Amino acid sequence: MNCRGNETRKRIITEYIVEPKAHLKLLANQRKNSDAKAIIEDEYYIFTAVGKRDGK
């Protein structure tokens, strides 16, 4: 799920129950592709999101 931008984040927390699951630090020279099509080079978080209306 692309969660870039303040308005998008506000919409997500309005529509979903969001729970953090992990905060991960990458190793030196390690890179990861994000869901938002960006390159992660340092650290990132993993969340679960369950729809408040439908539980999905």
PDB file of N, CA and C in Angstrom:
ATOM      1  N   MET A   1       0.848  -1.176   0.000  1.00  0.00           N
ATOM      2  CA  MET A   1       0.000   0.000   0.000  1.00  0.00           C
ATOM      3  C   MET A   1       0.892   1.237   0.000  1.00  0.00           C
ATOM      4  N   ASN A   2       0.645   2.123  -0.919  1.00  0.00           N
ATOM      5  CA  ASN A   2       1.405   3.368  -0.978  1.00  0.00           C
ATOM      6  C   ASN A   2       0.884   4.306   0.107  1.00  0.00           C
ATOM      7  N   CYS A   3       1.743   4.670   1.045  1.00  0.00           N
ATOM      8  CA  CYS A   3       1.309   5.529   2.153  1.00  0.00           C
ATOM      9  C   CYS A   3       2.105   6.828   2.204  1.00  0.00           C
ATOM     10  N   ARG A   4       2.538   7.298   1.052  1.00  0.00           N
ATOM     11  CA  ARG A   4       3.280   8.561   1.001  1.00  0.00           C
ATOM     12  C   ARG A   4       2.335   9.746   1.042  1.00  0.00           C
ATOM     13  N   GLY A   5       2.744  10.769   1.783  1.00  0.00           N
ATOM     14  CA  GLY A   5       1.972  12.006   1.865  1.00  0.00           C
ATOM     15  C   GLY A   5       1.062  12.040   3.078  1.00  0.00           C
ATOM     16  N   ASN A   6       0.931  13.202   3.671  1.00  0.00           N
ATOM     17  CA  ASN A   6       0.130  13.360   4.886  1.00  0.00           C
ATOM     18  C   ASN A   6      -1.341  13.035   4.667  1.00  0.00           C
ATOM     19  N   GLU A   7      -1.913  13.491   3.560  1.00  0.00           N
ATOM     20  CA  GLU A   7      -3.336  13.233   3.303  1.00  0.00           C
ATOM     21  C   GLU A   7      -3.597  11.738   3.135  1.00  0.00           C
ATOM     22  N   THR A   8      -2.704  11.051   2.454  1.00  0.00           N
ATOM     23  CA  THR A   8      -2.849   9.603   2.276  1.00  0.00           C
ATOM     24  C   THR A   8      -2.767   8.897   3.619  1.00  0.00           C
ATOM     25  N   ARG A   9      -1.845   9.292   4.460  1.00  0.00           N
ATOM     26  CA  ARG A   9      -1.706   8.677   5.787  1.00  0.00           C
ATOM     27  C   ARG A   9      -2.933   8.928   6.651  1.00  0.00           C
ATOM     28  N   LYS A  10      -3.480  10.121   6.580  1.00  0.00           N
ATOM     29  CA  LYS A  10      -4.709  10.423   7.333  1.00  0.00           C
ATOM     30  C   LYS A  10      -5.857   9.538   6.872  1.00  0.00           C
ATOM     31  N   ARG A  11      -5.979   9.357   5.556  1.00  0.00           N
ATOM     32  CA  ARG A  11      -7.038   8.495   5.027  1.00  0.00           C
ATOM     33  C   ARG A  11      -6.852   7.055   5.488  1.00  0.00           C
ATOM     34  N   ILE A  12      -5.613   6.579   5.476  1.00  0.00           N
ATOM     35  CA  ILE A  12      -5.336   5.202   5.886  1.00  0.00           C
ATOM     36  C   ILE A  12      -5.738   4.976   7.336  1.00  0.00           C
ATOM     37  N   ILE A  13      -5.362   5.878   8.238  1.00  0.00           N
ATOM     38  CA  ILE A  13      -5.700   5.648   9.650  1.00  0.00           C
ATOM     39  C   ILE A  13      -7.184   5.855   9.928  1.00  0.00           C
ATOM     40  N   THR A  14      -7.877   6.563   9.029  1.00  0.00           N
ATOM     41  CA  THR A  14      -9.327   6.709   9.157  1.00  0.00           C
ATOM     42  C   THR A  14     -10.032   5.431   8.715  1.00  0.00           C
ATOM     43  N   GLU A  15      -9.534   4.795   7.665  1.00  0.00           N
ATOM     44  CA  GLU A  15     -10.195   3.637   7.067  1.00  0.00           C
ATOM     45  C   GLU A  15      -9.710   2.288   7.585  1.00  0.00           C
ATOM     46  N   TYR A  16      -8.534   2.252   8.225  1.00  0.00           N
ATOM     47  CA  TYR A  16      -7.939   0.980   8.638  1.00  0.00           C
ATOM     48  C   TYR A  16      -7.502   1.002  10.100  1.00  0.00           C
ATOM     49  N   ILE A  17      -7.470  -0.174  10.697  1.00  0.00           N
ATOM     50  CA  ILE A  17      -6.819  -0.366  11.988  1.00  0.00           C
ATOM     51  C   ILE A  17      -5.382  -0.739  11.643  1.00  0.00           C
ATOM     52  N   VAL A  18      -4.445   0.129  11.989  1.00  0.00           N
ATOM     53  CA  VAL A  18      -3.043  -0.043  11.607  1.00  0.00           C
ATOM     54  C   VAL A  18      -2.236  -0.425  12.842  1.00  0.00           C
ATOM     55  N   GLU A  19      -1.481  -1.519  12.737  1.00  0.00           N
ATOM     56  CA  GLU A  19      -0.635  -1.975  13.841  1.00  0.00           C
ATOM     57  C   GLU A  19       0.790  -2.180  13.342  1.00  0.00           C
ATOM     58  N   PRO A  20       1.763  -1.587  14.026  1.00  0.00           N
ATOM     59  CA  PRO A  20       3.158  -1.827  13.643  1.00  0.00           C
ATOM     60  C   PRO A  20       3.560  -3.254  14.009  1.00  0.00           C
ATOM     61  N   LYS A  21       4.301  -3.898  13.140  1.00  0.00           N
ATOM     62  CA  LYS A  21       4.766  -5.269  13.381  1.00  0.00           C
ATOM     63  C   LYS A  21       6.278  -5.350  13.516  1.00  0.00           C
ATOM     64  N   ALA A  22       7.016  -4.510  12.781  1.00  0.00           N
ATOM     65  CA  ALA A  22       8.480  -4.583  12.837  1.00  0.00           C
ATOM     66  C   ALA A  22       9.097  -3.268  12.388  1.00  0.00           C
ATOM     67  N   HIS A  23      10.246  -2.963  12.972  1.00  0.00           N
ATOM     68  CA  HIS A  23      11.089  -1.844  12.537  1.00  0.00           C
ATOM     69  C   HIS A  23      12.423  -2.483  12.187  1.00  0.00           C
ATOM     70  N   LEU A  24      12.791  -2.420  10.922  1.00  0.00           N
ATOM     71  CA  LEU A  24      13.969  -3.135  10.446  1.00  0.00           C
ATOM     72  C   LEU A  24      15.035  -2.178   9.946  1.00  0.00           C
ATOM     73  N   LYS A  25      16.266  -2.486  10.261  1.00  0.00           N
ATOM     74  CA  LYS A  25      17.433  -1.721   9.822  1.00  0.00           C
ATOM     75  C   LYS A  25      18.173  -2.577   8.804  1.00  0.00           C
ATOM     76  N   LEU A  26      18.425  -2.024   7.634  1.00  0.00           N
ATOM     77  CA  LEU A  26      19.139  -2.763   6.597  1.00  0.00           C
ATOM     78  C   LEU A  26      20.634  -2.806   6.893  1.00  0.00           C
ATOM     79  N   LEU A  27      21.281  -3.832   6.393  1.00  0.00           N
ATOM     80  CA  LEU A  27      22.727  -3.953   6.515  1.00  0.00           C
ATOM     81  C   LEU A  27      23.409  -2.981   5.556  1.00  0.00           C
ATOM     82  N   ALA A  28      24.671  -2.744   5.762  1.00  0.00           N
ATOM     83  CA  ALA A  28      25.436  -1.849   4.882  1.00  0.00           C
ATOM     84  C   ALA A  28      25.307  -2.306   3.431  1.00  0.00           C
ATOM     85  N   ASN A  29      25.054  -1.374   2.542  1.00  0.00           N
ATOM     86  CA  ASN A  29      24.916  -1.613   1.097  1.00  0.00           C
ATOM     87  C   ASN A  29      23.708  -2.460   0.708  1.00  0.00           C
ATOM     88  N   GLN A  30      22.823  -2.730   1.637  1.00  0.00           N
ATOM     89  CA  GLN A  30      21.611  -3.481   1.322  1.00  0.00           C
ATOM     90  C   GLN A  30      20.527  -2.491   0.876  1.00  0.00           C
ATOM     91  N   ARG A  31      19.715  -2.896  -0.104  1.00  0.00           N
ATOM     92  CA  ARG A  31      18.636  -2.050  -0.612  1.00  0.00           C
ATOM     93  C   ARG A  31      17.376  -2.885  -0.751  1.00  0.00           C
ATOM     94  N   LYS A  32      16.247  -2.221  -0.626  1.00  0.00           N
ATOM     95  CA  LYS A  32      14.964  -2.912  -0.733  1.00  0.00           C
ATOM     96  C   LYS A  32      13.991  -2.013  -1.486  1.00  0.00           C
ATOM     97  N   ASN A  33      13.158  -2.601  -2.340  1.00  0.00           N
ATOM     98  CA  ASN A  33      12.122  -1.848  -3.045  1.00  0.00           C
ATOM     99  C   ASN A  33      10.900  -1.727  -2.145  1.00  0.00           C
ATOM    100  N   SER A  34      10.374  -0.516  -2.034  1.00  0.00           N
ATOM    101  CA  SER A  34       9.184  -0.301  -1.210  1.00  0.00           C
ATOM    102  C   SER A  34       7.919  -0.508  -2.029  1.00  0.00           C
ATOM    103  N   ASP A  35       6.784  -0.646  -1.336  1.00  0.00           N
ATOM    104  CA  ASP A  35       5.486  -0.742  -2.007  1.00  0.00           C
ATOM    105  C   ASP A  35       5.166   0.526  -2.785  1.00  0.00           C
ATOM    106  N   ALA A  36       5.759   1.653  -2.370  1.00  0.00           N
ATOM    107  CA  ALA A  36       5.506   2.951  -3.008  1.00  0.00           C
ATOM    108  C   ALA A  36       6.474   3.209  -4.161  1.00  0.00           C
ATOM    109  N   LYS A  37       7.157   2.161  -4.609  1.00  0.00           N
ATOM    110  CA  LYS A  37       8.080   2.242  -5.753  1.00  0.00           C
ATOM    111  C   LYS A  37       9.334   3.072  -5.471  1.00  0.00           C
ATOM    112  N   ALA A  38       9.726   3.164  -4.225  1.00  0.00           N
ATOM    113  CA  ALA A  38      10.957   3.865  -3.846  1.00  0.00           C
ATOM    114  C   ALA A  38      12.009   2.831  -3.447  1.00  0.00           C
ATOM    115  N   ILE A  39      13.243   3.273  -3.324  1.00  0.00           N
ATOM    116  CA  ILE A  39      14.335   2.415  -2.871  1.00  0.00           C
ATOM    117  C   ILE A  39      14.614   2.741  -1.408  1.00  0.00           C
ATOM    118  N   ILE A  40      14.579   1.717  -0.566  1.00  0.00           N
ATOM    119  CA  ILE A  40      14.888   1.875   0.856  1.00  0.00           C
ATOM    120  C   ILE A  40      16.348   1.501   1.038  1.00  0.00           C
ATOM    121  N   GLU A  41      17.098   2.362   1.725  1.00  0.00           N
ATOM    122  CA  GLU A  41      18.530   2.110   1.903  1.00  0.00           C
ATOM    123  C   GLU A  41      18.964   2.082   3.363  1.00  0.00           C
ATOM    124  N   ASP A  42      18.077   2.419   4.300  1.00  0.00           N
ATOM    125  CA  ASP A  42      18.494   2.510   5.698  1.00  0.00           C
ATOM    126  C   ASP A  42      17.606   1.679   6.624  1.00  0.00           C
ATOM    127  N   GLU A  43      16.351   2.082   6.781  1.00  0.00           N
ATOM    128  CA  GLU A  43      15.450   1.393   7.694  1.00  0.00           C
ATOM    129  C   GLU A  43      14.016   1.513   7.187  1.00  0.00           C
ATOM    130  N   TYR A  44      13.159   0.608   7.687  1.00  0.00           N
ATOM    131  CA  TYR A  44      11.752   0.667   7.300  1.00  0.00           C
ATOM    132  C   TYR A  44      10.899  -0.032   8.347  1.00  0.00           C
ATOM    133  N   TYR A  45       9.599   0.188   8.239  1.00  0.00           N
ATOM    134  CA  TYR A  45       8.626  -0.387   9.160  1.00  0.00           C
ATOM    135  C   TYR A  45       7.684  -1.300   8.389  1.00  0.00           C
ATOM    136  N   ILE A  46       7.186  -2.314   9.081  1.00  0.00           N
ATOM    137  CA  ILE A  46       6.160  -3.187   8.528  1.00  0.00           C
ATOM    138  C   ILE A  46       4.927  -3.037   9.408  1.00  0.00           C
ATOM    139  N   PHE A  47       3.772  -2.845   8.762  1.00  0.00           N
ATOM    140  CA  PHE A  47       2.506  -2.681   9.461  1.00  0.00           C
ATOM    141  C   PHE A  47       1.489  -3.674   8.922  1.00  0.00           C
ATOM    142  N   THR A  48       0.496  -4.004   9.744  1.00  0.00           N
ATOM    143  CA  THR A  48      -0.698  -4.666   9.237  1.00  0.00           C
ATOM    144  C   THR A  48      -1.791  -3.615   9.203  1.00  0.00           C
ATOM    145  N   ALA A  49      -2.691  -3.744   8.247  1.00  0.00           N
ATOM    146  CA  ALA A  49      -3.811  -2.812   8.124  1.00  0.00           C
ATOM    147  C   ALA A  49      -5.071  -3.617   7.832  1.00  0.00           C
ATOM    148  N   VAL A  50      -6.062  -3.482   8.713  1.00  0.00           N
ATOM    149  CA  VAL A  50      -7.332  -4.190   8.563  1.00  0.00           C
ATOM    150  C   VAL A  50      -8.421  -3.150   8.381  1.00  0.00           C
ATOM    151  N   GLY A  51      -9.229  -3.316   7.348  1.00  0.00           N
ATOM    152  CA  GLY A  51     -10.303  -2.369   7.072  1.00  0.00           C
ATOM    153  C   GLY A  51     -11.288  -2.287   8.228  1.00  0.00           C
ATOM    154  N   LYS A  52     -11.625  -1.085   8.629  1.00  0.00           N
ATOM    155  CA  LYS A  52     -12.566  -0.892   9.732  1.00  0.00           C
ATOM    156  C   LYS A  52     -13.982  -1.307   9.339  1.00  0.00           C
ATOM    157  N   ARG A  53     -14.339  -1.161   8.074  1.00  0.00           N
ATOM    158  CA  ARG A  53     -15.695  -1.487   7.630  1.00  0.00           C
ATOM    159  C   ARG A  53     -15.892  -2.961   7.342  1.00  0.00           C
ATOM    160  N   ASP A  54     -14.923  -3.578   6.669  1.00  0.00           N
ATOM    161  CA  ASP A  54     -15.133  -4.956   6.220  1.00  0.00           C
ATOM    162  C   ASP A  54     -14.182  -5.975   6.835  1.00  0.00           C
ATOM    163  N   GLY A  55     -13.241  -5.532   7.664  1.00  0.00           N
ATOM    164  CA  GLY A  55     -12.312  -6.465   8.299  1.00  0.00           C
ATOM    165  C   GLY A  55     -11.283  -7.052   7.357  1.00  0.00           C
ATOM    166  N   LYS A  56     -11.117  -6.477   6.171  1.00  0.00           N
ATOM    167  CA  LYS A  56     -10.142  -6.978   5.195  1.00  0.00           C
ATOM    168  C   LYS A  56      -8.998  -6.019   5.053  1.00  0.00           C
TER     169      LYS A  56
END
